[in-house]
PDB file of all heavy atoms in Angstrom:
ATOM      1  N   THR A   1     -50.010  -9.909 -93.818  1.00  0.00           N
ATOM      2  CA  THR A   1     -49.864 -11.232 -93.213  1.00  0.00           C
ATOM      3  C   THR A   1     -48.893 -12.087 -94.009  1.00  0.00           C
ATOM      4  O   THR A   1     -48.019 -12.757 -93.444  1.00  0.00           O
ATOM      5  CB  THR A   1     -51.233 -11.929 -93.123  1.00  0.00           C
ATOM      6  OG1 THR A   1     -52.143 -11.093 -92.408  1.00  0.00           O
ATOM      7  CG2 THR A   1     -51.122 -13.272 -92.419  1.00  0.00           C
ATOM      8  N   ARG A   2     -49.025 -12.052 -95.333  1.00  0.00           N
ATOM      9  CA  ARG A   2     -48.116 -12.851 -96.166  1.00  0.00           C
ATOM     10  C   ARG A   2     -46.675 -12.376 -96.003  1.00  0.00           C
ATOM     11  O   ARG A   2     -45.738 -13.191 -95.940  1.00  0.00           O
ATOM     12  CB  ARG A   2     -48.533 -12.773 -97.634  1.00  0.00           C
ATOM     13  CG  ARG A   2     -47.579 -13.534 -98.565  1.00  0.00           C
ATOM     14  CD  ARG A   2     -48.006 -13.429-100.013  1.00  0.00           C
ATOM     15  NE  ARG A   2     -49.174 -14.270-100.264  1.00  0.00           N
ATOM     16  CZ  ARG A   2     -49.780 -14.361-101.454  1.00  0.00           C
ATOM     17  NH1 ARG A   2     -49.340 -13.651-102.471  1.00  0.00           N
ATOM     18  NH2 ARG A   2     -50.816 -15.143-101.600  1.00  0.00           N
ATOM     19  N   GLU A   3     -46.476 -11.091 -95.897  1.00  0.00           N
ATOM     20  CA  GLU A   3     -45.122 -10.563 -95.726  1.00  0.00           C
ATOM     21  C   GLU A   3     -44.500 -11.080 -94.429  1.00  0.00           C
ATOM     22  O   GLU A   3     -43.334 -11.471 -94.390  1.00  0.00           O
ATOM     23  CB  GLU A   3     -45.154  -9.034 -95.706  1.00  0.00           C
ATOM     24  CG  GLU A   3     -43.782  -8.386 -95.528  1.00  0.00           C
ATOM     25  CD  GLU A   3     -43.858  -6.878 -95.465  1.00  0.00           C
ATOM     26  OE1 GLU A   3     -44.841  -6.300 -95.977  1.00  0.00           O
ATOM     27  OE2 GLU A   3     -42.932  -6.272 -94.891  1.00  0.00           O
ATOM     28  N   ILE A   4     -45.290 -11.108 -93.351  1.00  0.00           N
ATOM     29  CA  ILE A   4     -44.774 -11.591 -92.067  1.00  0.00           C
ATOM     30  C   ILE A   4     -44.569 -13.099 -92.097  1.00  0.00           C
ATOM     31  O   ILE A   4     -43.600 -13.625 -91.526  1.00  0.00           O
ATOM     32  CB  ILE A   4     -45.710 -11.148 -90.930  1.00  0.00           C
ATOM     33  CG1 ILE A   4     -45.673  -9.621 -90.811  1.00  0.00           C
ATOM     34  CG2 ILE A   4     -45.330 -11.812 -89.618  1.00  0.00           C
ATOM     35  CD1 ILE A   4     -46.668  -9.044 -89.837  1.00  0.00           C
ATOM     36  N   ILE A   5     -45.462 -13.816 -92.772  1.00  0.00           N
ATOM     37  CA  ILE A   5     -45.268 -15.256 -92.949  1.00  0.00           C
ATOM     38  C   ILE A   5     -43.921 -15.529 -93.612  1.00  0.00           C
ATOM     39  O   ILE A   5     -43.149 -16.390 -93.170  1.00  0.00           O
ATOM     40  CB  ILE A   5     -46.415 -15.861 -93.785  1.00  0.00           C
ATOM     41  CG1 ILE A   5     -47.712 -15.897 -92.976  1.00  0.00           C
ATOM     42  CG2 ILE A   5     -46.056 -17.269 -94.272  1.00  0.00           C
ATOM     43  CD1 ILE A   5     -48.934 -16.286 -93.783  1.00  0.00           C
ATOM     44  N   THR A   6     -43.636 -14.792 -94.658  1.00  0.00           N
ATOM     45  CA  THR A   6     -42.375 -14.961 -95.381  1.00  0.00           C
ATOM     46  C   THR A   6     -41.188 -14.683 -94.473  1.00  0.00           C
ATOM     47  O   THR A   6     -40.188 -15.422 -94.468  1.00  0.00           O
ATOM     48  CB  THR A   6     -42.349 -14.030 -96.601  1.00  0.00           C
ATOM     49  OG1 THR A   6     -43.477 -14.303 -97.433  1.00  0.00           O
ATOM     50  CG2 THR A   6     -41.071 -14.203 -97.401  1.00  0.00           C
ATOM     51  N   ARG A   7     -41.297 -13.633 -93.679  1.00  0.00           N
ATOM     52  CA  ARG A   7     -40.197 -13.253 -92.801  1.00  0.00           C
ATOM     53  C   ARG A   7     -39.967 -14.316 -91.722  1.00  0.00           C
ATOM     54  O   ARG A   7     -38.832 -14.699 -91.437  1.00  0.00           O
ATOM     55  CB  ARG A   7     -40.509 -11.896 -92.157  1.00  0.00           C
ATOM     56  CG  ARG A   7     -39.289 -11.168 -91.618  1.00  0.00           C
ATOM     57  CD  ARG A   7     -39.669  -9.787 -91.074  1.00  0.00           C
ATOM     58  NE  ARG A   7     -40.354  -8.957 -92.065  1.00  0.00           N
ATOM     59  CZ  ARG A   7     -40.814  -7.734 -91.824  1.00  0.00           C
ATOM     60  NH1 ARG A   7     -40.660  -7.206 -90.611  1.00  0.00           N
ATOM     61  NH2 ARG A   7     -41.412  -7.045 -92.772  1.00  0.00           N
ATOM     62  N   VAL A   8     -41.048 -14.800 -91.123  1.00  0.00           N
ATOM     63  CA  VAL A   8     -40.910 -15.799 -90.058  1.00  0.00           C
ATOM     64  C   VAL A   8     -40.380 -17.120 -90.607  1.00  0.00           C
ATOM     65  O   VAL A   8     -39.528 -17.768 -89.980  1.00  0.00           O
ATOM     66  CB  VAL A   8     -42.252 -16.001 -89.334  1.00  0.00           C
ATOM     67  CG1 VAL A   8     -42.183 -17.189 -88.377  1.00  0.00           C
ATOM     68  CG2 VAL A   8     -42.630 -14.740 -88.561  1.00  0.00           C
ATOM     69  N   ASN A   9     -40.848 -17.530 -91.773  1.00  0.00           N
ATOM     70  CA  ASN A   9     -40.328 -18.765 -92.356  1.00  0.00           C
ATOM     71  C   ASN A   9     -38.837 -18.656 -92.645  1.00  0.00           C
ATOM     72  O   ASN A   9     -38.094 -19.646 -92.517  1.00  0.00           O
ATOM     73  CB  ASN A   9     -41.095 -19.111 -93.631  1.00  0.00           C
ATOM     74  CG  ASN A   9     -42.396 -19.836 -93.358  1.00  0.00           C
ATOM     75  OD1 ASN A   9     -42.579 -20.416 -92.297  1.00  0.00           O
ATOM     76  ND2 ASN A   9     -43.314 -19.804 -94.313  1.00  0.00           N
ATOM     77  N   ARG A  10     -38.390 -17.475 -93.033  1.00  0.00           N
ATOM     78  CA  ARG A  10     -36.956 -17.263 -93.265  1.00  0.00           C
ATOM     79  C   ARG A  10     -36.179 -17.420 -91.953  1.00  0.00           C
ATOM     80  O   ARG A  10     -35.100 -18.025 -91.914  1.00  0.00           O
ATOM     81  CB  ARG A  10     -36.732 -15.879 -93.867  1.00  0.00           C
ATOM     82  CG  ARG A  10     -35.313 -15.652 -94.405  1.00  0.00           C
ATOM     83  CD  ARG A  10     -35.180 -14.263 -95.008  1.00  0.00           C
ATOM     84  NE  ARG A  10     -36.134 -14.059 -96.090  1.00  0.00           N
ATOM     85  CZ  ARG A  10     -37.004 -13.055 -96.136  1.00  0.00           C
ATOM     86  NH1 ARG A  10     -37.048 -12.169 -95.153  1.00  0.00           N
ATOM     87  NH2 ARG A  10     -37.822 -12.938 -97.152  1.00  0.00           N
ATOM     88  N   ILE A  11     -36.743 -16.881 -90.872  1.00  0.00           N
ATOM     89  CA  ILE A  11     -36.093 -16.995 -89.564  1.00  0.00           C
ATOM     90  C   ILE A  11     -36.070 -18.456 -89.110  1.00  0.00           C
ATOM     91  O   ILE A  11     -35.072 -18.943 -88.561  1.00  0.00           O
ATOM     92  CB  ILE A  11     -36.820 -16.112 -88.525  1.00  0.00           C
ATOM     93  CG1 ILE A  11     -36.706 -14.637 -88.918  1.00  0.00           C
ATOM     94  CG2 ILE A  11     -36.253 -16.324 -87.125  1.00  0.00           C
ATOM     95  CD1 ILE A  11     -37.597 -13.715 -88.101  1.00  0.00           C
ATOM     96  N   ARG A  12     -37.168 -19.170 -89.338  1.00  0.00           N
ATOM     97  CA  ARG A  12     -37.232 -20.588 -88.954  1.00  0.00           C
ATOM     98  C   ARG A  12     -36.141 -21.403 -89.627  1.00  0.00           C
ATOM     99  O   ARG A  12     -35.548 -22.311 -89.024  1.00  0.00           O
ATOM    100  CB  ARG A  12     -38.607 -21.175 -89.318  1.00  0.00           C
ATOM    101  CG  ARG A  12     -39.701 -20.881 -88.306  1.00  0.00           C
ATOM    102  CD  ARG A  12     -41.076 -21.241 -88.858  1.00  0.00           C
ATOM    103  NE  ARG A  12     -41.159 -22.569 -89.441  1.00  0.00           N
ATOM    104  CZ  ARG A  12     -41.531 -23.665 -88.789  1.00  0.00           C
ATOM    105  NH1 ARG A  12     -41.838 -23.600 -87.504  1.00  0.00           N
ATOM    106  NH2 ARG A  12     -41.609 -24.825 -89.414  1.00  0.00           N
ATOM    107  N   LYS A  13     -35.873 -21.103 -90.879  1.00  0.00           N
ATOM    108  CA  LYS A  13     -34.850 -21.856 -91.594  1.00  0.00           C
ATOM    109  C   LYS A  13     -33.437 -21.472 -91.166  1.00  0.00           C
ATOM    110  O   LYS A  13     -32.510 -22.276 -91.256  1.00  0.00           O
ATOM    111  CB  LYS A  13     -35.020 -21.650 -93.106  1.00  0.00           C
ATOM    112  CG  LYS A  13     -36.278 -22.309 -93.653  1.00  0.00           C
ATOM    113  CD  LYS A  13     -36.425 -22.087 -95.144  1.00  0.00           C
ATOM    114  CE  LYS A  13     -37.687 -22.774 -95.681  1.00  0.00           C
ATOM    115  NZ  LYS A  13     -37.884 -22.559 -97.129  1.00  0.00           N
ATOM    116  N   ALA A  14     -33.274 -20.256 -90.683  1.00  0.00           N
ATOM    117  CA  ALA A  14     -31.942 -19.769 -90.312  1.00  0.00           C
ATOM    118  C   ALA A  14     -31.538 -20.171 -88.902  1.00  0.00           C
ATOM    119  O   ALA A  14     -30.337 -20.250 -88.607  1.00  0.00           O
ATOM    120  CB  ALA A  14     -31.888 -18.248 -90.453  1.00  0.00           C
ATOM    121  N   TYR A  15     -32.512 -20.427 -88.022  1.00  0.00           N
ATOM    122  CA  TYR A  15     -32.210 -20.672 -86.613  1.00  0.00           C
ATOM    123  C   TYR A  15     -32.733 -22.038 -86.190  1.00  0.00           C
ATOM    124  O   TYR A  15     -33.940 -22.285 -86.177  1.00  0.00           O
ATOM    125  CB  TYR A  15     -32.812 -19.573 -85.737  1.00  0.00           C
ATOM    126  CG  TYR A  15     -32.123 -18.240 -85.937  1.00  0.00           C
ATOM    127  CD1 TYR A  15     -32.569 -17.358 -86.912  1.00  0.00           C
ATOM    128  CD2 TYR A  15     -31.006 -17.897 -85.177  1.00  0.00           C
ATOM    129  CE1 TYR A  15     -31.920 -16.147 -87.127  1.00  0.00           C
ATOM    130  CE2 TYR A  15     -30.357 -16.690 -85.380  1.00  0.00           C
ATOM    131  CZ  TYR A  15     -30.814 -15.820 -86.353  1.00  0.00           C
ATOM    132  OH  TYR A  15     -30.163 -14.634 -86.569  1.00  0.00           O
ATOM    133  N   THR A  16     -31.807 -22.909 -85.805  1.00  0.00           N
ATOM    134  CA  THR A  16     -32.195 -24.263 -85.404  1.00  0.00           C
ATOM    135  C   THR A  16     -33.040 -24.265 -84.133  1.00  0.00           C
ATOM    136  O   THR A  16     -33.715 -25.257 -83.842  1.00  0.00           O
ATOM    137  CB  THR A  16     -30.954 -25.140 -85.183  1.00  0.00           C
ATOM    138  OG1 THR A  16     -30.100 -24.515 -84.200  1.00  0.00           O
ATOM    139  CG2 THR A  16     -30.173 -25.310 -86.480  1.00  0.00           C
ATOM    140  N   ALA A  17     -33.012 -23.178 -83.382  1.00  0.00           N
ATOM    141  CA  ALA A  17     -33.841 -23.100 -82.179  1.00  0.00           C
ATOM    142  C   ALA A  17     -35.317 -23.263 -82.509  1.00  0.00           C
ATOM    143  O   ALA A  17     -36.101 -23.718 -81.668  1.00  0.00           O
ATOM    144  CB  ALA A  17     -33.605 -21.769 -81.465  1.00  0.00           C
ATOM    145  N   LEU A  18     -35.725 -22.883 -83.719  1.00  0.00           N
ATOM    146  CA  LEU A  18     -37.122 -22.990 -84.131  1.00  0.00           C
ATOM    147  C   LEU A  18     -37.393 -24.274 -84.915  1.00  0.00           C
ATOM    148  O   LEU A  18     -38.489 -24.464 -85.428  1.00  0.00           O
ATOM    149  CB  LEU A  18     -37.520 -21.773 -84.972  1.00  0.00           C
ATOM    150  CG  LEU A  18     -37.485 -20.432 -84.232  1.00  0.00           C
ATOM    151  CD1 LEU A  18     -37.833 -19.289 -85.176  1.00  0.00           C
ATOM    152  CD2 LEU A  18     -38.424 -20.435 -83.034  1.00  0.00           C
ATOM    153  N   GLN A  19     -36.412 -25.158 -84.973  1.00  0.00           N
ATOM    154  CA  GLN A  19     -36.557 -26.393 -85.730  1.00  0.00           C
ATOM    155  C   GLN A  19     -36.818 -27.609 -84.839  1.00  0.00           C
ATOM    156  O   GLN A  19     -36.723 -28.744 -85.271  1.00  0.00           O
ATOM    157  CB  GLN A  19     -35.324 -26.601 -86.610  1.00  0.00           C
ATOM    158  CG  GLN A  19     -35.191 -25.524 -87.671  1.00  0.00           C
ATOM    159  CD  GLN A  19     -33.910 -25.603 -88.478  1.00  0.00           C
ATOM    160  OE1 GLN A  19     -33.225 -26.634 -88.492  1.00  0.00           O
ATOM    161  NE2 GLN A  19     -33.561 -24.515 -89.149  1.00  0.00           N
ATOM    162  N   SER A  20     -37.134 -27.335 -83.584  1.00  0.00           N
ATOM    163  CA  SER A  20     -37.525 -28.392 -82.652  1.00  0.00           C
ATOM    164  C   SER A  20     -38.702 -27.901 -81.821  1.00  0.00           C
ATOM    165  O   SER A  20     -38.815 -26.701 -81.544  1.00  0.00           O
ATOM    166  CB  SER A  20     -36.356 -28.768 -81.735  1.00  0.00           C
ATOM    167  OG  SER A  20     -36.768 -29.715 -80.767  1.00  0.00           O
ATOM    168  N   THR A  21     -39.568 -28.801 -81.452  1.00  0.00           N
ATOM    169  CA  THR A  21     -40.691 -28.465 -80.575  1.00  0.00           C
ATOM    170  C   THR A  21     -40.343 -28.694 -79.110  1.00  0.00           C
ATOM    171  O   THR A  21     -40.870 -28.023 -78.229  1.00  0.00           O
ATOM    172  CB  THR A  21     -41.922 -29.314 -80.949  1.00  0.00           C
ATOM    173  OG1 THR A  21     -42.273 -29.060 -82.316  1.00  0.00           O
ATOM    174  CG2 THR A  21     -43.126 -28.982 -80.075  1.00  0.00           C
ATOM    175  N   TRP A  22     -39.414 -29.614 -78.855  1.00  0.00           N
ATOM    176  CA  TRP A  22     -39.179 -30.094 -77.491  1.00  0.00           C
ATOM    177  C   TRP A  22     -38.330 -29.134 -76.658  1.00  0.00           C
ATOM    178  O   TRP A  22     -38.169 -29.349 -75.457  1.00  0.00           O
ATOM    179  CB  TRP A  22     -38.506 -31.467 -77.540  1.00  0.00           C
ATOM    180  CG  TRP A  22     -39.018 -32.346 -78.628  1.00  0.00           C
ATOM    181  CD1 TRP A  22     -38.299 -32.908 -79.631  1.00  0.00           C
ATOM    182  CD2 TRP A  22     -40.379 -32.754 -78.854  1.00  0.00           C
ATOM    183  NE1 TRP A  22     -39.113 -33.637 -80.465  1.00  0.00           N
ATOM    184  CE2 TRP A  22     -40.394 -33.555 -80.014  1.00  0.00           C
ATOM    185  CE3 TRP A  22     -41.580 -32.506 -78.184  1.00  0.00           C
ATOM    186  CZ2 TRP A  22     -41.557 -34.127 -80.511  1.00  0.00           C
ATOM    187  CZ3 TRP A  22     -42.741 -33.060 -78.686  1.00  0.00           C
ATOM    188  CH2 TRP A  22     -42.725 -33.867 -79.823  1.00  0.00           C
ATOM    189  N   ASN A  23     -37.775 -28.087 -77.247  1.00  0.00           N
ATOM    190  CA  ASN A  23     -36.778 -27.252 -76.570  1.00  0.00           C
ATOM    191  C   ASN A  23     -37.361 -25.959 -76.013  1.00  0.00           C
ATOM    192  O   ASN A  23     -36.678 -24.945 -75.942  1.00  0.00           O
ATOM    193  CB  ASN A  23     -35.655 -26.903 -77.556  1.00  0.00           C
ATOM    194  CG  ASN A  23     -36.179 -26.158 -78.789  1.00  0.00           C
ATOM    195  OD1 ASN A  23     -37.367 -26.212 -79.083  1.00  0.00           O
ATOM    196  ND2 ASN A  23     -35.310 -25.464 -79.499  1.00  0.00           N
ATOM    197  N   ILE A  24     -38.609 -25.966 -75.613  1.00  0.00           N
ATOM    198  CA  ILE A  24     -39.281 -24.737 -75.191  1.00  0.00           C
ATOM    199  C   ILE A  24     -39.316 -24.629 -73.665  1.00  0.00           C
ATOM    200  O   ILE A  24     -39.551 -25.608 -72.959  1.00  0.00           O
ATOM    201  CB  ILE A  24     -40.715 -24.671 -75.762  1.00  0.00           C
ATOM    202  CG1 ILE A  24     -41.347 -23.302 -75.490  1.00  0.00           C
ATOM    203  CG2 ILE A  24     -41.583 -25.801 -75.232  1.00  0.00           C
ATOM    204  CD1 ILE A  24     -42.647 -23.074 -76.241  1.00  0.00           C
ATOM    205  N   ASP A  25     -39.030 -23.423 -73.168  1.00  0.00           N
ATOM    206  CA  ASP A  25     -39.197 -23.078 -71.754  1.00  0.00           C
ATOM    207  C   ASP A  25     -39.910 -21.738 -71.696  1.00  0.00           C
ATOM    208  O   ASP A  25     -39.492 -20.775 -72.358  1.00  0.00           O
ATOM    209  CB  ASP A  25     -37.847 -22.979 -71.042  1.00  0.00           C
ATOM    210  CG  ASP A  25     -37.198 -24.331 -70.828  1.00  0.00           C
ATOM    211  OD1 ASP A  25     -37.880 -25.242 -70.323  1.00  0.00           O
ATOM    212  OD2 ASP A  25     -36.010 -24.485 -71.164  1.00  0.00           O
ATOM    213  N   PHE A  26     -40.968 -21.655 -70.905  1.00  0.00           N
ATOM    214  CA  PHE A  26     -41.727 -20.409 -70.814  1.00  0.00           C
ATOM    215  C   PHE A  26     -41.074 -19.464 -69.815  1.00  0.00           C
ATOM    216  O   PHE A  26     -40.561 -19.879 -68.772  1.00  0.00           O
ATOM    217  CB  PHE A  26     -43.179 -20.695 -70.436  1.00  0.00           C
ATOM    218  CG  PHE A  26     -43.972 -21.248 -71.577  1.00  0.00           C
ATOM    219  CD1 PHE A  26     -44.120 -22.617 -71.736  1.00  0.00           C
ATOM    220  CD2 PHE A  26     -44.543 -20.401 -72.518  1.00  0.00           C
ATOM    221  CE1 PHE A  26     -44.824 -23.137 -72.808  1.00  0.00           C
ATOM    222  CE2 PHE A  26     -45.252 -20.913 -73.589  1.00  0.00           C
ATOM    223  CZ  PHE A  26     -45.390 -22.279 -73.734  1.00  0.00           C
ATOM    224  N   ASN A  27     -41.098 -18.179 -70.179  1.00  0.00           N
ATOM    225  CA  ASN A  27     -40.509 -17.144 -69.347  1.00  0.00           C
ATOM    226  C   ASN A  27     -41.596 -16.438 -68.543  1.00  0.00           C
ATOM    227  O   ASN A  27     -42.710 -16.228 -69.030  1.00  0.00           O
ATOM    228  CB  ASN A  27     -39.770 -16.115 -70.206  1.00  0.00           C
ATOM    229  CG  ASN A  27     -38.710 -16.751 -71.084  1.00  0.00           C
ATOM    230  OD1 ASN A  27     -38.007 -17.661 -70.650  1.00  0.00           O
ATOM    231  ND2 ASN A  27     -38.595 -16.293 -72.319  1.00  0.00           N
ATOM    232  N   GLU A  28     -41.249 -16.046 -67.366  1.00  0.00           N
ATOM    233  CA  GLU A  28     -42.173 -15.316 -66.508  1.00  0.00           C
ATOM    234  C   GLU A  28     -42.463 -13.931 -67.082  1.00  0.00           C
ATOM    235  O   GLU A  28     -41.546 -13.235 -67.529  1.00  0.00           O
ATOM    236  CB  GLU A  28     -41.550 -15.189 -65.121  1.00  0.00           C
ATOM    237  CG  GLU A  28     -42.357 -14.417 -64.112  1.00  0.00           C
ATOM    238  CD  GLU A  28     -41.600 -14.216 -62.821  1.00  0.00           C
ATOM    239  OE1 GLU A  28     -40.828 -15.129 -62.433  1.00  0.00           O
ATOM    240  OE2 GLU A  28     -41.756 -13.144 -62.201  1.00  0.00           O
ATOM    241  N   THR A  29     -43.730 -13.526 -67.120  1.00  0.00           N
ATOM    242  CA  THR A  29     -44.112 -12.160 -67.478  1.00  0.00           C
ATOM    243  C   THR A  29     -45.133 -11.673 -66.445  1.00  0.00           C
ATOM    244  O   THR A  29     -45.797 -12.477 -65.796  1.00  0.00           O
ATOM    245  CB  THR A  29     -44.748 -12.068 -68.882  1.00  0.00           C
ATOM    246  OG1 THR A  29     -46.088 -12.574 -68.832  1.00  0.00           O
ATOM    247  CG2 THR A  29     -43.943 -12.834 -69.916  1.00  0.00           C
ATOM    248  N   ASN A  30     -45.260 -10.351 -66.312  1.00  0.00           N
ATOM    249  CA  ASN A  30     -46.217  -9.804 -65.340  1.00  0.00           C
ATOM    250  C   ASN A  30     -47.473  -9.273 -66.017  1.00  0.00           C
ATOM    251  O   ASN A  30     -48.170  -8.424 -65.477  1.00  0.00           O
ATOM    252  CB  ASN A  30     -45.558  -8.699 -64.508  1.00  0.00           C
ATOM    253  CG  ASN A  30     -45.120  -7.514 -65.360  1.00  0.00           C
ATOM    254  OD1 ASN A  30     -45.075  -7.603 -66.590  1.00  0.00           O
ATOM    255  ND2 ASN A  30     -44.813  -6.394 -64.720  1.00  0.00           N
ATOM    256  N   ASN A  31     -47.779  -9.806 -67.209  1.00  0.00           N
ATOM    257  CA  ASN A  31     -48.979  -9.417 -67.934  1.00  0.00           C
ATOM    258  C   ASN A  31     -49.544 -10.664 -68.603  1.00  0.00           C
ATOM    259  O   ASN A  31     -48.865 -11.307 -69.418  1.00  0.00           O
ATOM    260  CB  ASN A  31     -48.656  -8.347 -68.974  1.00  0.00           C
ATOM    261  CG  ASN A  31     -49.895  -7.809 -69.682  1.00  0.00           C
ATOM    262  OD1 ASN A  31     -50.954  -8.435 -69.690  1.00  0.00           O
ATOM    263  ND2 ASN A  31     -49.762  -6.653 -70.308  1.00  0.00           N
ATOM    264  N   GLU A  32     -50.775 -11.023 -68.263  1.00  0.00           N
ATOM    265  CA  GLU A  32     -51.381 -12.239 -68.797  1.00  0.00           C
ATOM    266  C   GLU A  32     -51.688 -12.141 -70.282  1.00  0.00           C
ATOM    267  O   GLU A  32     -52.028 -13.150 -70.906  1.00  0.00           O
ATOM    268  CB  GLU A  32     -52.656 -12.571 -68.016  1.00  0.00           C
ATOM    269  CG  GLU A  32     -52.401 -13.053 -66.599  1.00  0.00           C
ATOM    270  CD  GLU A  32     -51.476 -14.265 -66.576  1.00  0.00           C
ATOM    271  OE1 GLU A  32     -51.812 -15.273 -67.223  1.00  0.00           O
ATOM    272  OE2 GLU A  32     -50.413 -14.186 -65.932  1.00  0.00           O
ATOM    273  N   ARG A  33     -51.586 -10.955 -70.841  1.00  0.00           N
ATOM    274  CA  ARG A  33     -51.821 -10.810 -72.287  1.00  0.00           C
ATOM    275  C   ARG A  33     -50.531 -10.900 -73.088  1.00  0.00           C
ATOM    276  O   ARG A  33     -50.551 -10.810 -74.312  1.00  0.00           O
ATOM    277  CB  ARG A  33     -52.517  -9.475 -72.586  1.00  0.00           C
ATOM    278  CG  ARG A  33     -53.809  -9.232 -71.840  1.00  0.00           C
ATOM    279  CD  ARG A  33     -54.783 -10.418 -71.940  1.00  0.00           C
ATOM    280  NE  ARG A  33     -55.181 -10.714 -73.294  1.00  0.00           N
ATOM    281  CZ  ARG A  33     -56.211 -10.168 -73.929  1.00  0.00           C
ATOM    282  NH1 ARG A  33     -56.965  -9.288 -73.291  1.00  0.00           N
ATOM    283  NH2 ARG A  33     -56.513 -10.516 -75.142  1.00  0.00           N
ATOM    284  N   VAL A  34     -49.406 -11.058 -72.411  1.00  0.00           N
ATOM    285  CA  VAL A  34     -48.106 -11.204 -73.085  1.00  0.00           C
ATOM    286  C   VAL A  34     -47.513 -12.554 -72.703  1.00  0.00           C
ATOM    287  O   VAL A  34     -47.314 -12.841 -71.521  1.00  0.00           O
ATOM    288  CB  VAL A  34     -47.131 -10.075 -72.709  1.00  0.00           C
ATOM    289  CG1 VAL A  34     -45.758 -10.324 -73.345  1.00  0.00           C
ATOM    290  CG2 VAL A  34     -47.683  -8.721 -73.153  1.00  0.00           C
ATOM    291  N   ILE A  35     -47.256 -13.371 -73.697  1.00  0.00           N
ATOM    292  CA  ILE A  35     -46.642 -14.672 -73.463  1.00  0.00           C
ATOM    293  C   ILE A  35     -45.221 -14.637 -73.995  1.00  0.00           C
ATOM    294  O   ILE A  35     -44.945 -14.030 -75.045  1.00  0.00           O
ATOM    295  CB  ILE A  35     -47.457 -15.798 -74.142  1.00  0.00           C
ATOM    296  CG1 ILE A  35     -46.948 -17.172 -73.720  1.00  0.00           C
ATOM    297  CG2 ILE A  35     -47.466 -15.671 -75.661  1.00  0.00           C
ATOM    298  CD1 ILE A  35     -47.855 -18.322 -74.152  1.00  0.00           C
ATOM    299  N   SER A  36     -44.304 -15.250 -73.262  1.00  0.00           N
ATOM    300  CA  SER A  36     -42.903 -15.259 -73.678  1.00  0.00           C
ATOM    301  C   SER A  36     -42.317 -16.640 -73.435  1.00  0.00           C
ATOM    302  O   SER A  36     -42.646 -17.309 -72.455  1.00  0.00           O
ATOM    303  CB  SER A  36     -42.103 -14.209 -72.901  1.00  0.00           C
ATOM    304  OG  SER A  36     -40.726 -14.266 -73.256  1.00  0.00           O
ATOM    305  N   TYR A  37     -41.443 -17.063 -74.331  1.00  0.00           N
ATOM    306  CA  TYR A  37     -40.806 -18.367 -74.191  1.00  0.00           C
ATOM    307  C   TYR A  37     -39.443 -18.354 -74.852  1.00  0.00           C
ATOM    308  O   TYR A  37     -39.172 -17.588 -75.787  1.00  0.00           O
ATOM    309  CB  TYR A  37     -41.668 -19.481 -74.781  1.00  0.00           C
ATOM    310  CG  TYR A  37     -42.383 -19.162 -76.069  1.00  0.00           C
ATOM    311  CD1 TYR A  37     -41.872 -19.538 -77.311  1.00  0.00           C
ATOM    312  CD2 TYR A  37     -43.599 -18.477 -76.046  1.00  0.00           C
ATOM    313  CE1 TYR A  37     -42.552 -19.250 -78.486  1.00  0.00           C
ATOM    314  CE2 TYR A  37     -44.280 -18.183 -77.220  1.00  0.00           C
ATOM    315  CZ  TYR A  37     -43.754 -18.562 -78.435  1.00  0.00           C
ATOM    316  OH  TYR A  37     -44.421 -18.267 -79.599  1.00  0.00           O
ATOM    317  N   THR A  38     -38.567 -19.174 -74.326  1.00  0.00           N
ATOM    318  CA  THR A  38     -37.220 -19.341 -74.869  1.00  0.00           C
ATOM    319  C   THR A  38     -37.165 -20.633 -75.660  1.00  0.00           C
ATOM    320  O   THR A  38     -37.680 -21.663 -75.222  1.00  0.00           O
ATOM    321  CB  THR A  38     -36.181 -19.386 -73.738  1.00  0.00           C
ATOM    322  OG1 THR A  38     -36.225 -18.159 -73.008  1.00  0.00           O
ATOM    323  CG2 THR A  38     -34.774 -19.572 -74.294  1.00  0.00           C
ATOM    324  N   LYS A  39     -36.558 -20.563 -76.828  1.00  0.00           N
ATOM    325  CA  LYS A  39     -36.307 -21.754 -77.630  1.00  0.00           C
ATOM    326  C   LYS A  39     -34.793 -21.938 -77.699  1.00  0.00           C
ATOM    327  O   LYS A  39     -34.075 -21.124 -78.279  1.00  0.00           O
ATOM    328  CB  LYS A  39     -36.892 -21.600 -79.036  1.00  0.00           C
ATOM    329  CG  LYS A  39     -38.391 -21.394 -79.066  1.00  0.00           C
ATOM    330  CD  LYS A  39     -39.151 -22.697 -78.864  1.00  0.00           C
ATOM    331  CE  LYS A  39     -39.089 -23.547 -80.100  1.00  0.00           C
ATOM    332  NZ  LYS A  39     -40.106 -24.596 -80.154  1.00  0.00           N
ATOM    333  N   LEU A  40     -34.311 -23.003 -77.077  1.00  0.00           N
ATOM    334  CA  LEU A  40     -32.885 -23.265 -76.998  1.00  0.00           C
ATOM    335  C   LEU A  40     -32.416 -24.016 -78.239  1.00  0.00           C
ATOM    336  O   LEU A  40     -33.046 -24.989 -78.656  1.00  0.00           O
ATOM    337  CB  LEU A  40     -32.568 -24.079 -75.745  1.00  0.00           C
ATOM    338  CG  LEU A  40     -32.907 -23.409 -74.411  1.00  0.00           C
ATOM    339  CD1 LEU A  40     -32.673 -24.383 -73.265  1.00  0.00           C
ATOM    340  CD2 LEU A  40     -32.068 -22.157 -74.221  1.00  0.00           C
TER     341      LEU A  40
END
């Protein structure tokens, strides 16, 4: 878990798409157990 936390935090700092909450749009999926969204 800590290893993945480290990896995701690195991605958050590298990509401005993850530096805002307001820029989210959910993508259609055909499985209710899989959620997908675009961060612009």
